[in-house]
Amino acid sequence: MAEEDDIMVFQRNLENLDLYRLVLVKQGTQHYIELAQILPSGRWGILFDENPVSQKDINRLEQEEKEQESQPFKLFEEERRKIETKSVRTARSIVFRYTIRQIYNNKCIICNTGMMTPTGIVEIEASHIVPKKFHGSDDARNGLSLCRRHHWAFDMGLFGVDDNYKVIVPQKVANIPCNSILTELAGSNIINPSETNLKPDLAALHWHRSHILIA
C-alpha cells in the first residue's frame, strides 16, 4: 500500500519501448534515501541528467545506420562516440540490437535456435565482433546474432569465424572434454543474414581472430 511521500519509479524496457515497470519505493528504505538525494525539485521528474530514449530517437538513428551500412565498412567509431550523449549511444545500441535480431530472424548463427517469451522478449543477443570497449562500430556488419551460450563463448575466444564463414574452434579449446558440444560445430557454416549486404565483414572477423580467439 502506497503512502504519502513514497516514491513511484517508472522504468522503461530497453528491449521493448512499449513496456514499463512501476516500482514503489517506501519511505525509510536505503533505496528511498538514495533516490531522495537525486530527485529534482518538485514532486516529479527525470532521475537522470539526460532525457530518456524516445521512439523518435530510435527512428532517426535507424535511418542513420541504414545510410552508414550502404557505405564502405568502418571497423571503429571512437570519434563519434566521444561527442555523442549517453541517450544517443543507448538509442544506437537499441537500433543495433533490433537490426541484428531482425536480419537473422531471432536465430543464433551457430546453432540455429532461439527462444522467446509470450510477451515477445527473445533470448537472442546481438554480439559486436569488435567489442564496443575497443570502439567497435554499431554497423550491423560488425554484428553476430548469438544465443547466450554462444555469445559468451565467442567473447571468450572459444571459437571464431573464418573468411569462408565457417566456425573455427582452436585445438586448446577442443582438447577440453566439456567443450565437445562446441567442437562438433567446427567447420560448419554460420547462418547468413536475410540481407546479404549485411554479412559479417571480413575485416571484423579477422580482428576477432587476431585479438580475441584463443591461439
Protein backbone atom coordinates (compact mmCIF):
# COMPACT_ATOMS: atom_id res chain seq x y z
CA MET A 1 0.00 0.00 0.00
CA ALA A 2 1.42 3.36 -1.07
CA GLU A 3 1.59 6.18 1.44
CA GLU A 4 2.16 9.91 1.12
CA ASP A 5 5.77 10.77 0.18
CA ASP A 6 6.56 7.25 -1.05
CA ILE A 7 8.31 7.33 -4.46
CA MET A 8 6.90 5.68 -7.58
CA VAL A 9 9.58 4.94 -10.18
CA PHE A 10 8.68 4.34 -13.84
CA GLN A 11 11.27 2.27 -15.71
CA ARG A 12 11.20 1.81 -19.47
CA ASN A 13 12.23 -1.50 -21.02
CA LEU A 14 15.10 -1.11 -23.49
CA GLU A 15 14.11 -4.33 -25.23
CA ASN A 16 10.58 -3.12 -25.94
CA LEU A 17 9.93 0.60 -25.61
CA ASP A 18 6.20 -0.04 -25.11
CA LEU A 19 6.84 -1.89 -21.84
CA TYR A 20 7.17 -0.13 -18.49
CA ARG A 21 7.75 -1.31 -14.94
CA LEU A 22 6.42 0.54 -11.89
CA VAL A 23 8.41 0.27 -8.66
CA LEU A 24 7.09 1.59 -5.35
CA VAL A 25 9.92 2.74 -3.08
CA LYS A 26 8.84 3.00 0.55
CA GLN A 27 9.98 5.69 2.94
CA GLY A 28 12.79 4.74 5.29
CA THR A 29 14.44 2.20 2.99
CA GLN A 30 18.01 2.65 1.74
CA HIS A 31 16.76 2.86 -1.83
CA TYR A 32 14.37 5.66 -0.81
CA ILE A 33 17.19 7.63 0.82
CA GLU A 34 19.38 7.30 -2.28
CA LEU A 35 16.57 8.34 -4.65
CA ALA A 36 15.55 11.29 -2.49
CA GLN A 37 19.04 12.72 -2.91
CA ILE A 38 18.85 12.81 -6.71
CA LEU A 39 15.18 13.70 -7.20
CA PRO A 40 14.69 17.04 -8.96
CA SER A 41 12.87 19.80 -7.13
CA GLY A 42 9.12 19.41 -7.19
CA ARG A 43 7.06 16.28 -6.91
CA TRP A 44 8.15 14.52 -10.08
CA GLY A 45 10.86 14.49 -12.74
CA ILE A 46 13.54 12.54 -14.59
CA LEU A 47 16.02 10.86 -12.26
CA PHE A 48 18.97 11.12 -14.63
CA ASP A 49 20.70 14.09 -16.19
CA GLU A 50 19.72 13.14 -19.75
CA ASN A 51 16.34 12.67 -21.39
CA PRO A 52 15.25 9.06 -21.85
CA VAL A 53 15.41 7.41 -25.25
CA SER A 54 12.37 8.20 -27.39
CA GLN A 55 10.89 6.41 -30.38
CA LYS A 56 11.83 9.48 -32.42
CA ASP A 57 15.48 8.93 -31.45
CA ILE A 58 15.21 5.28 -32.47
CA ASN A 59 13.69 6.10 -35.86
CA ARG A 60 16.29 8.79 -36.61
CA LEU A 61 19.26 6.62 -35.68
CA GLU A 62 17.82 3.65 -37.54
CA GLN A 63 17.82 5.76 -40.70
CA GLU A 64 21.37 6.95 -39.97
CA GLU A 65 22.59 3.39 -39.55
CA LYS A 66 20.96 2.30 -42.82
CA GLU A 67 22.76 5.11 -44.61
CA GLN A 68 26.06 4.15 -42.97
CA GLU A 69 25.61 0.49 -43.87
CA SER A 70 25.30 1.46 -47.53
CA GLN A 71 28.82 2.94 -47.33
CA PRO A 72 32.20 1.16 -47.09
CA PHE A 73 32.52 -0.59 -43.74
CA LYS A 74 34.24 1.22 -40.85
CA LEU A 75 35.61 -1.03 -38.14
CA PHE A 76 35.90 1.57 -35.37
CA GLU A 77 33.81 4.51 -34.17
CA GLU A 78 35.90 6.10 -31.43
CA GLU A 79 35.49 9.68 -32.63
CA ARG A 80 31.72 9.52 -32.99
CA ARG A 81 31.25 8.08 -29.53
CA LYS A 82 33.30 10.87 -27.97
CA ILE A 83 30.76 13.51 -28.99
CA GLU A 84 27.54 11.53 -28.53
CA THR A 85 25.33 11.86 -25.47
CA LYS A 86 24.53 8.84 -23.34
CA SER A 87 20.93 8.75 -24.59
CA VAL A 88 22.10 8.73 -28.24
CA ARG A 89 24.56 5.92 -27.54
CA THR A 90 21.78 3.97 -25.83
CA ALA A 91 19.44 4.53 -28.78
CA ARG A 92 22.17 3.43 -31.19
CA SER A 93 22.68 0.24 -29.18
CA ILE A 94 18.95 -0.46 -29.35
CA VAL A 95 18.97 0.00 -33.13
CA PHE A 96 21.98 -2.32 -33.44
CA ARG A 97 20.23 -4.98 -31.36
CA TYR A 98 16.96 -4.66 -33.31
CA THR A 99 18.74 -4.83 -36.66
CA ILE A 100 20.83 -7.90 -35.83
CA ARG A 101 17.86 -9.81 -34.45
CA GLN A 102 15.73 -8.90 -37.46
CA ILE A 103 18.19 -9.83 -40.21
CA TYR A 104 18.95 -13.16 -38.52
CA ASN A 105 15.29 -13.88 -37.72
CA ASN A 106 15.98 -14.15 -33.97
CA LYS A 107 18.15 -17.22 -34.50
CA CYS A 108 21.68 -17.99 -33.36
CA ILE A 109 24.04 -18.13 -36.35
CA ILE A 110 25.85 -21.08 -34.76
CA CYS A 111 23.14 -23.44 -33.50
CA ASN A 112 20.13 -22.04 -35.44
CA THR A 113 17.99 -21.84 -32.29
CA GLY A 114 16.28 -19.05 -30.40
CA MET A 115 13.67 -18.88 -27.65
CA MET A 116 11.01 -16.25 -26.94
CA THR A 117 8.66 -15.38 -24.08
CA PRO A 118 4.89 -14.97 -24.63
CA THR A 119 5.42 -11.19 -24.35
CA GLY A 120 7.90 -11.18 -27.22
CA ILE A 121 11.20 -10.92 -25.33
CA VAL A 122 13.79 -13.01 -27.20
CA GLU A 123 16.81 -14.88 -25.91
CA ILE A 124 19.00 -13.99 -28.88
CA GLU A 125 21.68 -11.37 -28.26
CA ALA A 126 23.40 -9.03 -30.70
CA SER A 127 27.14 -9.51 -30.35
CA HIS A 128 29.72 -7.00 -31.55
CA ILE A 129 32.52 -8.80 -33.39
CA VAL A 130 34.88 -5.98 -32.44
CA PRO A 131 33.57 -5.15 -28.94
CA LYS A 132 32.37 -1.66 -28.04
CA LYS A 133 35.07 -1.42 -25.36
CA PHE A 134 37.54 -1.43 -28.26
CA HIS A 135 35.40 1.16 -30.08
CA GLY A 136 33.91 -1.37 -32.49
CA SER A 137 31.20 0.14 -34.67
CA ASP A 138 27.44 -0.35 -34.32
CA ASP A 139 27.29 -1.19 -38.03
CA ALA A 140 25.34 -4.45 -38.50
CA ARG A 141 28.35 -5.80 -40.41
CA ASN A 142 30.17 -5.77 -37.09
CA GLY A 143 27.47 -7.91 -35.53
CA LEU A 144 26.51 -11.53 -34.99
CA SER A 145 23.23 -12.98 -33.75
CA LEU A 146 24.07 -15.43 -30.96
CA CYS A 147 22.29 -17.33 -28.21
CA ARG A 148 23.59 -16.58 -24.72
CA ARG A 149 25.82 -19.66 -24.61
CA HIS A 150 27.50 -18.97 -27.93
CA HIS A 151 27.72 -15.22 -27.24
CA TRP A 152 29.75 -15.99 -24.11
CA ALA A 153 31.92 -18.49 -25.98
CA PHE A 154 32.59 -16.03 -28.82
CA ASP A 155 33.55 -13.24 -26.42
CA MET A 156 35.85 -15.64 -24.54
CA GLY A 157 37.59 -16.61 -27.79
CA LEU A 158 36.44 -20.24 -27.69
CA PHE A 159 35.52 -20.06 -31.36
CA GLY A 160 35.85 -17.74 -34.31
CA VAL A 161 34.65 -17.46 -37.90
CA ASP A 162 36.97 -17.73 -40.90
CA ASP A 163 36.86 -15.86 -44.21
CA ASN A 164 34.61 -18.57 -45.67
CA TYR A 165 32.12 -18.04 -42.83
CA LYS A 166 32.91 -21.36 -41.21
CA VAL A 167 33.26 -21.98 -37.47
CA ILE A 168 36.80 -22.28 -36.10
CA VAL A 169 37.47 -24.00 -32.76
CA PRO A 170 41.10 -23.77 -31.55
CA GLN A 171 42.77 -27.03 -30.58
CA LYS A 172 43.30 -25.83 -26.99
CA VAL A 173 39.54 -25.42 -26.70
CA ALA A 174 38.76 -28.72 -28.44
CA ASN A 175 41.06 -30.58 -26.05
CA ILE A 176 38.74 -29.80 -23.13
CA PRO A 177 36.15 -32.63 -22.95
CA CYS A 178 33.23 -30.44 -21.82
CA ASN A 179 33.64 -28.34 -24.96
CA SER A 180 32.63 -31.21 -27.23
CA ILE A 181 29.26 -29.58 -27.96
CA LEU A 182 31.19 -26.69 -29.49
CA THR A 183 33.88 -28.79 -31.14
CA GLU A 184 31.21 -30.68 -33.07
CA LEU A 185 30.33 -27.42 -34.85
CA ALA A 186 33.88 -26.81 -36.12
CA GLY A 187 33.92 -26.43 -39.89
CA SER A 188 30.18 -25.81 -40.16
CA ASN A 189 28.79 -22.78 -41.96
CA ILE A 190 27.27 -19.96 -39.95
CA ILE A 191 23.79 -18.76 -40.85
CA ASN A 192 23.78 -15.80 -43.22
CA PRO A 193 21.56 -12.75 -42.67
CA SER A 194 18.45 -12.16 -44.75
CA GLU A 195 20.15 -9.06 -46.20
CA THR A 196 23.30 -10.37 -47.84
CA ASN A 197 24.91 -6.91 -47.92
CA LEU A 198 24.95 -7.04 -44.10
CA LYS A 199 27.01 -10.22 -43.79
CA PRO A 200 29.74 -10.04 -41.12
CA ASP A 201 32.59 -8.01 -42.55
CA LEU A 202 35.78 -9.98 -43.13
CA ALA A 203 37.90 -7.25 -41.54
CA ALA A 204 35.89 -7.54 -38.33
CA LEU A 205 36.17 -11.35 -38.30
CA HIS A 206 39.91 -11.08 -38.88
CA TRP A 207 40.23 -8.63 -35.96
CA HIS A 208 38.42 -11.09 -33.68
CA ARG A 209 40.67 -13.96 -34.75
CA SER A 210 43.76 -11.82 -34.17
CA HIS A 211 42.77 -10.28 -30.84
CA ILE A 212 40.18 -12.49 -29.14
CA LEU A 213 40.33 -16.06 -30.49
CA ILE A 214 42.46 -18.33 -28.29
CA ALA A 215 45.74 -19.11 -30.01
